[in-house]
N, C-alpha and C. Protein backbone atom coordinates (compact mmCIF):
# COMPACT_ATOMS: atom_id res chain seq x y z
N MET A 1 -53.09 -133.03 15.02
CA MET A 1 -52.31 -131.92 14.50
C MET A 1 -52.50 -130.66 15.34
N ASN A 2 -53.73 -130.45 15.78
CA ASN A 2 -54.00 -129.25 16.57
C ASN A 2 -53.26 -129.29 17.90
N ARG A 3 -53.16 -130.49 18.48
CA ARG A 3 -52.44 -130.62 19.75
C ARG A 3 -50.95 -130.34 19.57
N LEU A 4 -50.37 -130.84 18.50
CA LEU A 4 -48.96 -130.59 18.22
C LEU A 4 -48.71 -129.10 17.98
N TYR A 5 -49.65 -128.44 17.30
CA TYR A 5 -49.53 -127.00 17.07
C TYR A 5 -49.49 -126.24 18.40
N LYS A 6 -50.34 -126.64 19.33
CA LYS A 6 -50.37 -125.99 20.65
C LYS A 6 -49.08 -126.26 21.42
N VAL A 7 -48.54 -127.46 21.29
CA VAL A 7 -47.27 -127.79 21.96
C VAL A 7 -46.14 -126.93 21.39
N LEU A 8 -46.10 -126.77 20.07
CA LEU A 8 -45.07 -125.93 19.46
C LEU A 8 -45.22 -124.47 19.87
N LYS A 9 -46.45 -124.01 19.97
CA LYS A 9 -46.70 -122.63 20.39
C LYS A 9 -46.22 -122.43 21.83
N THR A 10 -46.48 -123.39 22.69
CA THR A 10 -46.01 -123.32 24.07
C THR A 10 -44.49 -123.36 24.12
N ALA A 11 -43.88 -124.19 23.29
CA ALA A 11 -42.42 -124.29 23.26
C ALA A 11 -41.79 -122.97 22.82
N VAL A 12 -42.40 -122.28 21.86
CA VAL A 12 -41.88 -120.99 21.42
C VAL A 12 -41.85 -120.01 22.59
N TRP A 13 -42.96 -119.93 23.31
CA TRP A 13 -43.02 -118.99 24.44
C TRP A 13 -42.11 -119.40 25.58
N CYS A 14 -41.90 -120.70 25.77
CA CYS A 14 -40.96 -121.16 26.81
C CYS A 14 -39.52 -120.76 26.46
N VAL A 15 -39.14 -120.92 25.20
CA VAL A 15 -37.79 -120.56 24.77
C VAL A 15 -37.58 -119.05 24.93
N ILE A 16 -38.58 -118.26 24.54
CA ILE A 16 -38.49 -116.81 24.70
C ILE A 16 -38.41 -116.43 26.17
N GLY A 17 -39.20 -117.08 27.01
CA GLY A 17 -39.18 -116.80 28.44
C GLY A 17 -37.84 -117.13 29.08
N VAL A 18 -37.25 -118.25 28.69
CA VAL A 18 -35.94 -118.62 29.22
C VAL A 18 -34.90 -117.60 28.79
N PHE A 19 -34.97 -117.15 27.54
CA PHE A 19 -34.03 -116.13 27.06
C PHE A 19 -34.17 -114.85 27.88
N LEU A 20 -35.39 -114.41 28.11
CA LEU A 20 -35.60 -113.19 28.90
C LEU A 20 -35.10 -113.36 30.33
N GLY A 21 -35.31 -114.54 30.91
CA GLY A 21 -34.83 -114.79 32.26
C GLY A 21 -33.31 -114.79 32.35
N VAL A 22 -32.67 -115.44 31.41
CA VAL A 22 -31.20 -115.48 31.39
C VAL A 22 -30.63 -114.09 31.16
N THR A 23 -31.26 -113.33 30.26
CA THR A 23 -30.81 -111.97 29.99
C THR A 23 -30.95 -111.09 31.22
N GLY A 24 -32.09 -111.19 31.89
CA GLY A 24 -32.29 -110.41 33.12
C GLY A 24 -31.29 -110.76 34.19
N TYR A 25 -31.01 -112.05 34.36
CA TYR A 25 -30.04 -112.46 35.37
C TYR A 25 -28.64 -111.97 35.01
N THR A 26 -28.27 -112.05 33.74
CA THR A 26 -26.94 -111.60 33.32
C THR A 26 -26.78 -110.10 33.57
N CYS A 27 -27.80 -109.33 33.24
CA CYS A 27 -27.74 -107.88 33.49
C CYS A 27 -27.63 -107.59 34.98
N TRP A 28 -28.44 -108.28 35.78
CA TRP A 28 -28.39 -108.08 37.23
C TRP A 28 -27.01 -108.45 37.77
N ASP A 29 -26.47 -109.58 37.32
CA ASP A 29 -25.17 -110.04 37.81
C ASP A 29 -24.06 -109.08 37.41
N TYR A 30 -24.15 -108.50 36.22
CA TYR A 30 -23.14 -107.53 35.79
C TYR A 30 -23.18 -106.29 36.68
N HIS A 31 -24.36 -105.82 37.00
CA HIS A 31 -24.47 -104.62 37.84
C HIS A 31 -24.13 -104.92 39.30
N ALA A 32 -24.34 -106.16 39.74
CA ALA A 32 -24.01 -106.52 41.12
C ALA A 32 -22.52 -106.83 41.29
N HIS A 33 -21.88 -107.38 40.28
CA HIS A 33 -20.47 -107.78 40.36
C HIS A 33 -19.69 -107.31 39.14
N PRO A 34 -19.53 -106.01 38.94
CA PRO A 34 -18.84 -105.54 37.72
C PRO A 34 -17.36 -105.92 37.69
N GLY A 35 -16.75 -106.12 38.85
CA GLY A 35 -15.34 -106.48 38.89
C GLY A 35 -15.06 -107.84 38.27
N LEU A 36 -15.99 -108.77 38.41
CA LEU A 36 -15.80 -110.09 37.81
C LEU A 36 -15.79 -110.02 36.29
N TYR A 37 -16.59 -109.15 35.74
CA TYR A 37 -16.67 -109.04 34.29
C TYR A 37 -15.52 -108.20 33.73
N ALA A 38 -14.87 -107.41 34.57
CA ALA A 38 -13.73 -106.60 34.11
C ALA A 38 -12.53 -107.49 33.79
N LEU A 39 -12.48 -108.68 34.38
CA LEU A 39 -11.36 -109.59 34.15
C LEU A 39 -11.45 -110.31 32.80
N GLN A 40 -12.64 -110.35 32.21
CA GLN A 40 -12.82 -111.06 30.94
C GLN A 40 -12.37 -110.19 29.77
N SER A 41 -11.90 -110.85 28.73
CA SER A 41 -11.48 -110.10 27.55
C SER A 41 -12.67 -109.72 26.68
N ALA A 42 -13.76 -110.48 26.77
CA ALA A 42 -14.95 -110.18 25.98
C ALA A 42 -15.87 -109.26 26.77
N PRO A 43 -16.69 -108.47 26.10
CA PRO A 43 -17.64 -107.61 26.81
C PRO A 43 -18.64 -108.46 27.60
N TRP A 44 -19.23 -107.85 28.61
CA TRP A 44 -20.13 -108.59 29.50
C TRP A 44 -21.39 -109.07 28.78
N TYR A 45 -21.78 -108.43 27.71
CA TYR A 45 -23.02 -108.78 27.02
C TYR A 45 -22.82 -109.82 25.92
N THR A 46 -21.64 -110.37 25.79
CA THR A 46 -21.38 -111.36 24.75
C THR A 46 -22.25 -112.60 24.92
N SER A 47 -22.42 -113.05 26.15
CA SER A 47 -23.26 -114.23 26.38
C SER A 47 -24.71 -113.95 26.01
N ILE A 48 -25.16 -112.72 26.22
CA ILE A 48 -26.53 -112.36 25.83
C ILE A 48 -26.68 -112.45 24.31
N GLN A 49 -25.68 -111.98 23.59
CA GLN A 49 -25.74 -112.03 22.13
C GLN A 49 -25.74 -113.48 21.62
N ILE A 50 -24.94 -114.32 22.25
CA ILE A 50 -24.91 -115.74 21.85
C ILE A 50 -26.25 -116.39 22.13
N HIS A 51 -26.83 -116.11 23.30
CA HIS A 51 -28.15 -116.66 23.63
C HIS A 51 -29.22 -116.12 22.68
N ALA A 52 -29.09 -114.86 22.25
CA ALA A 52 -30.07 -114.27 21.33
C ALA A 52 -30.04 -114.98 19.98
N VAL A 53 -28.85 -115.27 19.48
CA VAL A 53 -28.74 -115.97 18.20
C VAL A 53 -29.32 -117.38 18.32
N PHE A 54 -28.97 -118.08 19.39
CA PHE A 54 -29.49 -119.42 19.61
C PHE A 54 -31.02 -119.40 19.72
N THR A 55 -31.55 -118.43 20.47
CA THR A 55 -32.99 -118.31 20.63
C THR A 55 -33.66 -118.03 19.30
N ALA A 56 -33.08 -117.14 18.51
CA ALA A 56 -33.67 -116.81 17.21
C ALA A 56 -33.71 -118.04 16.29
N VAL A 57 -32.66 -118.84 16.32
CA VAL A 57 -32.63 -120.05 15.48
C VAL A 57 -33.69 -121.05 15.94
N VAL A 58 -33.76 -121.30 17.24
CA VAL A 58 -34.72 -122.27 17.76
C VAL A 58 -36.15 -121.79 17.51
N VAL A 59 -36.42 -120.52 17.78
CA VAL A 59 -37.77 -119.99 17.55
C VAL A 59 -38.10 -120.02 16.06
N GLY A 60 -37.13 -119.74 15.22
CA GLY A 60 -37.36 -119.82 13.77
C GLY A 60 -37.74 -121.23 13.32
N VAL A 61 -37.04 -122.22 13.85
CA VAL A 61 -37.36 -123.61 13.51
C VAL A 61 -38.75 -123.98 14.01
N LEU A 62 -39.08 -123.58 15.24
CA LEU A 62 -40.40 -123.88 15.78
C LEU A 62 -41.50 -123.17 14.99
N LEU A 63 -41.27 -121.92 14.61
CA LEU A 63 -42.27 -121.19 13.82
C LEU A 63 -42.43 -121.81 12.43
N ALA A 64 -41.35 -122.30 11.86
CA ALA A 64 -41.45 -122.98 10.56
C ALA A 64 -42.29 -124.25 10.70
N GLY A 65 -42.08 -124.98 11.79
CA GLY A 65 -42.90 -126.16 12.04
C GLY A 65 -44.36 -125.81 12.24
N MET A 66 -44.61 -124.71 12.96
CA MET A 66 -45.99 -124.27 13.16
C MET A 66 -46.63 -123.87 11.83
N TRP A 67 -45.88 -123.19 10.98
CA TRP A 67 -46.40 -122.77 9.68
C TRP A 67 -46.74 -123.99 8.82
N PHE A 68 -45.85 -124.99 8.86
CA PHE A 68 -46.08 -126.21 8.09
C PHE A 68 -47.33 -126.93 8.59
N LEU A 69 -47.48 -127.03 9.91
CA LEU A 69 -48.66 -127.69 10.46
C LEU A 69 -49.94 -126.92 10.13
N LYS A 70 -49.87 -125.60 10.18
CA LYS A 70 -51.04 -124.78 9.88
C LYS A 70 -51.49 -125.01 8.44
N ARG A 71 -50.52 -125.13 7.53
CA ARG A 71 -50.85 -125.39 6.12
C ARG A 71 -51.49 -126.77 5.95
N ARG A 72 -51.01 -127.74 6.69
CA ARG A 72 -51.55 -129.10 6.57
C ARG A 72 -52.92 -129.24 7.21
N MET A 73 -53.22 -128.39 8.20
CA MET A 73 -54.51 -128.48 8.88
C MET A 73 -55.64 -127.89 8.02
N LYS A 74 -55.30 -127.06 7.04
CA LYS A 74 -56.35 -126.45 6.20
C LYS A 74 -56.95 -127.44 5.24
């Protein structure tokens, strides 16, 4: 159980790290190529918002699993 808890903890930080990396790249790409984003009907940060919701759901599920494991380990 302790090993699975550590794997879930690592997965949470990996998901958060990927979100931060994608967000950083999107911001950099917008500032480097603003003309490409001007052609879209949606704002440039829409993909960041979608990734944020997805990340929140995945992290929430992982944290719920960690909480459940923590209760069972006691």
